[in-house]
Amino acid sequence: MENNYYNRLKDISIEKNSRLCIGLDFDLDKMKIENVNDLNSLESFIKDTIDSTIDVCSVYKPNFAFYEQYGPSGMKLLESIVSYINQKSIIIADAKRGDIGNTSRKYAQSIFDYYNNYFFFKLSDKTSKFFKTKYMKS
């Protein structure tokens, strides 16, 4: 049998008797747990979440915006999380642009809070609207 995505998803769902997909898009700004307040504690929290669910979770879906906003350190965290899952579940890279407000805000933060001094940007209408609201207040 061909080892394509659909066959792998089917096999892992049967093996785990589950079709559960967990989004790994944790927001430090909204975190209710006091000791999760930086990237190191967030990494531990995410790994604890994975450890608690790996037996029943067929798919993890990290949203890149929530990692990219921290620049290279955030992407290193994402790489660590993907490595930690270690093909025990399927990983979907949620890296769409022009998404819902919260995700668009995180992409804007990655661009303007971290990379602002390095690049000029062409933005979608949604991201541009956020930029004007947050960064160009009169």
Protein backbone atom coordinates (compact mmCIF):
# COMPACT_ATOMS: atom_id res chain seq x y z
CA MET A 1 0.00 0.00 0.00
CA GLU A 2 1.24 3.47 -0.90
CA ASN A 3 2.39 5.51 2.13
CA ASN A 4 0.64 8.75 1.26
CA TYR A 5 -0.97 11.19 3.67
CA TYR A 6 -4.43 9.65 3.49
CA ASN A 7 -3.20 6.13 4.13
CA ARG A 8 -1.03 7.33 7.01
CA LEU A 9 -3.97 9.26 8.50
CA LYS A 10 -6.22 6.22 8.15
CA ASP A 11 -3.63 3.90 9.71
CA ILE A 12 -2.83 6.16 12.65
CA SER A 13 -6.53 6.85 13.29
CA ILE A 14 -7.23 3.12 13.39
CA GLU A 15 -4.18 2.47 15.57
CA LYS A 16 -5.22 5.16 18.09
CA ASN A 17 -8.96 4.57 17.61
CA SER A 18 -9.28 8.33 17.29
CA ARG A 19 -9.58 11.14 14.78
CA LEU A 20 -8.60 13.79 17.31
CA CYS A 21 -6.68 16.81 16.01
CA ILE A 22 -5.18 19.21 18.55
CA GLY A 23 -4.14 22.71 17.57
CA LEU A 24 -0.83 23.75 19.10
CA ASP A 25 -1.41 27.49 18.95
CA PHE A 26 -0.89 28.61 22.52
CA ASP A 27 -0.94 32.34 23.17
CA LEU A 28 1.28 33.54 26.03
CA ASP A 29 -0.75 36.76 26.19
CA LYS A 30 -3.86 34.74 27.06
CA MET A 31 -2.24 31.99 29.11
CA LYS A 32 -4.07 31.53 32.42
CA ILE A 33 -1.31 29.42 33.99
CA GLU A 34 1.02 31.83 35.79
CA ASN A 35 4.21 29.80 35.46
CA VAL A 36 3.83 29.64 31.66
CA ASN A 37 5.19 33.07 30.81
CA ASP A 38 8.12 32.66 28.39
CA LEU A 39 9.20 30.38 25.55
CA ASN A 40 10.97 27.89 27.81
CA SER A 41 7.95 27.39 30.06
CA LEU A 42 5.70 27.34 26.99
CA GLU A 43 7.81 24.56 25.46
CA SER A 44 7.45 22.50 28.66
CA PHE A 45 3.69 23.13 28.68
CA ILE A 46 3.30 22.09 25.03
CA LYS A 47 5.36 18.94 25.60
CA ASP A 48 3.25 18.11 28.66
CA THR A 49 0.15 18.57 26.49
CA ILE A 50 1.58 16.21 23.88
CA ASP A 51 2.59 13.65 26.53
CA SER A 52 -0.95 13.75 27.92
CA THR A 53 -2.62 13.25 24.55
CA ILE A 54 -0.22 11.34 22.28
CA ASP A 55 -2.01 8.01 22.82
CA VAL A 56 -5.32 9.38 21.54
CA CYS A 57 -4.31 12.23 19.24
CA SER A 58 -3.89 11.30 15.59
CA VAL A 59 -3.01 14.81 14.39
CA TYR A 60 -1.29 17.86 15.87
CA LYS A 61 -1.64 21.19 14.10
CA PRO A 62 0.79 23.92 15.15
CA ASN A 63 -0.22 27.34 13.87
CA PHE A 64 2.96 28.97 12.58
CA ALA A 65 1.80 32.49 13.48
CA PHE A 66 2.03 31.68 17.18
CA TYR A 67 5.66 30.63 16.73
CA GLU A 68 6.80 33.10 14.06
CA GLN A 69 5.88 36.06 16.25
CA TYR A 70 8.99 35.28 18.35
CA GLY A 71 11.34 35.24 15.36
CA PRO A 72 14.06 32.57 15.22
CA SER A 73 13.47 31.58 18.87
CA GLY A 74 9.83 30.82 18.07
CA MET A 75 10.75 28.82 15.00
CA LYS A 76 13.31 26.90 17.08
CA LEU A 77 10.48 26.12 19.52
CA LEU A 78 8.32 24.89 16.63
CA GLU A 79 11.16 22.70 15.38
CA SER A 80 11.59 21.27 18.89
CA ILE A 81 7.88 20.48 19.14
CA VAL A 82 7.81 18.77 15.73
CA SER A 83 10.86 16.73 16.69
CA TYR A 84 9.27 15.85 20.03
CA ILE A 85 6.19 14.40 18.33
CA ASN A 86 8.64 12.31 16.31
CA GLN A 87 6.14 10.92 13.80
CA LYS A 88 4.02 9.36 16.56
CA SER A 89 1.17 11.41 15.11
CA ILE A 90 0.61 13.35 11.92
CA ILE A 91 1.62 17.00 12.00
CA ILE A 92 -0.22 19.55 9.89
CA ALA A 93 1.63 22.81 9.28
CA ASP A 94 -1.02 25.47 9.77
CA ALA A 95 0.75 28.28 7.94
CA LYS A 96 -2.02 29.95 6.00
CA ARG A 97 -1.90 33.71 5.60
CA GLY A 98 -4.86 36.09 5.64
CA ASP A 99 -6.55 33.98 8.31
CA ILE A 100 -8.92 34.94 11.13
CA GLY A 101 -8.23 38.02 13.26
CA ASN A 102 -6.24 36.36 16.04
CA THR A 103 -3.91 34.58 13.63
CA SER A 104 -3.56 37.66 11.44
CA ARG A 105 -2.58 39.65 14.53
CA LYS A 106 0.13 37.10 15.36
CA TYR A 107 1.51 37.27 11.81
CA ALA A 108 1.49 41.08 12.04
CA GLN A 109 3.32 40.86 15.35
CA SER A 110 5.94 38.58 13.82
CA ILE A 111 6.45 41.07 11.03
CA PHE A 112 6.28 44.37 12.88
CA ASP A 113 7.41 43.52 16.39
CA TYR A 114 10.29 41.23 15.46
CA TYR A 115 11.32 41.83 11.85
CA ASN A 116 10.34 45.50 11.50
CA ASN A 117 13.92 46.72 11.12
CA TYR A 118 14.83 44.22 8.42
CA PHE A 119 12.19 44.21 5.70
CA PHE A 120 9.61 46.17 3.75
CA PHE A 121 6.31 44.35 3.47
CA LYS A 122 3.41 43.82 1.12
CA LEU A 123 0.37 43.05 3.24
CA SER A 124 -3.09 41.58 2.79
CA ASP A 125 -5.99 43.95 3.45
CA LYS A 126 -6.74 42.25 6.77
CA THR A 127 -3.14 42.51 8.02
CA SER A 128 -2.85 46.06 6.71
CA LYS A 129 -6.01 47.04 8.58
CA PHE A 130 -4.56 45.58 11.79
CA PHE A 131 -1.26 47.37 11.21
CA LYS A 132 -2.99 50.71 10.76
CA THR A 133 -5.08 50.16 13.89
CA LYS A 134 -2.19 49.11 16.14
CA TYR A 135 0.82 50.97 14.80
CA MET A 136 -0.56 54.12 13.26
CA LYS A 137 -2.77 55.41 16.05
CA SER A 138 -3.31 59.14 15.82
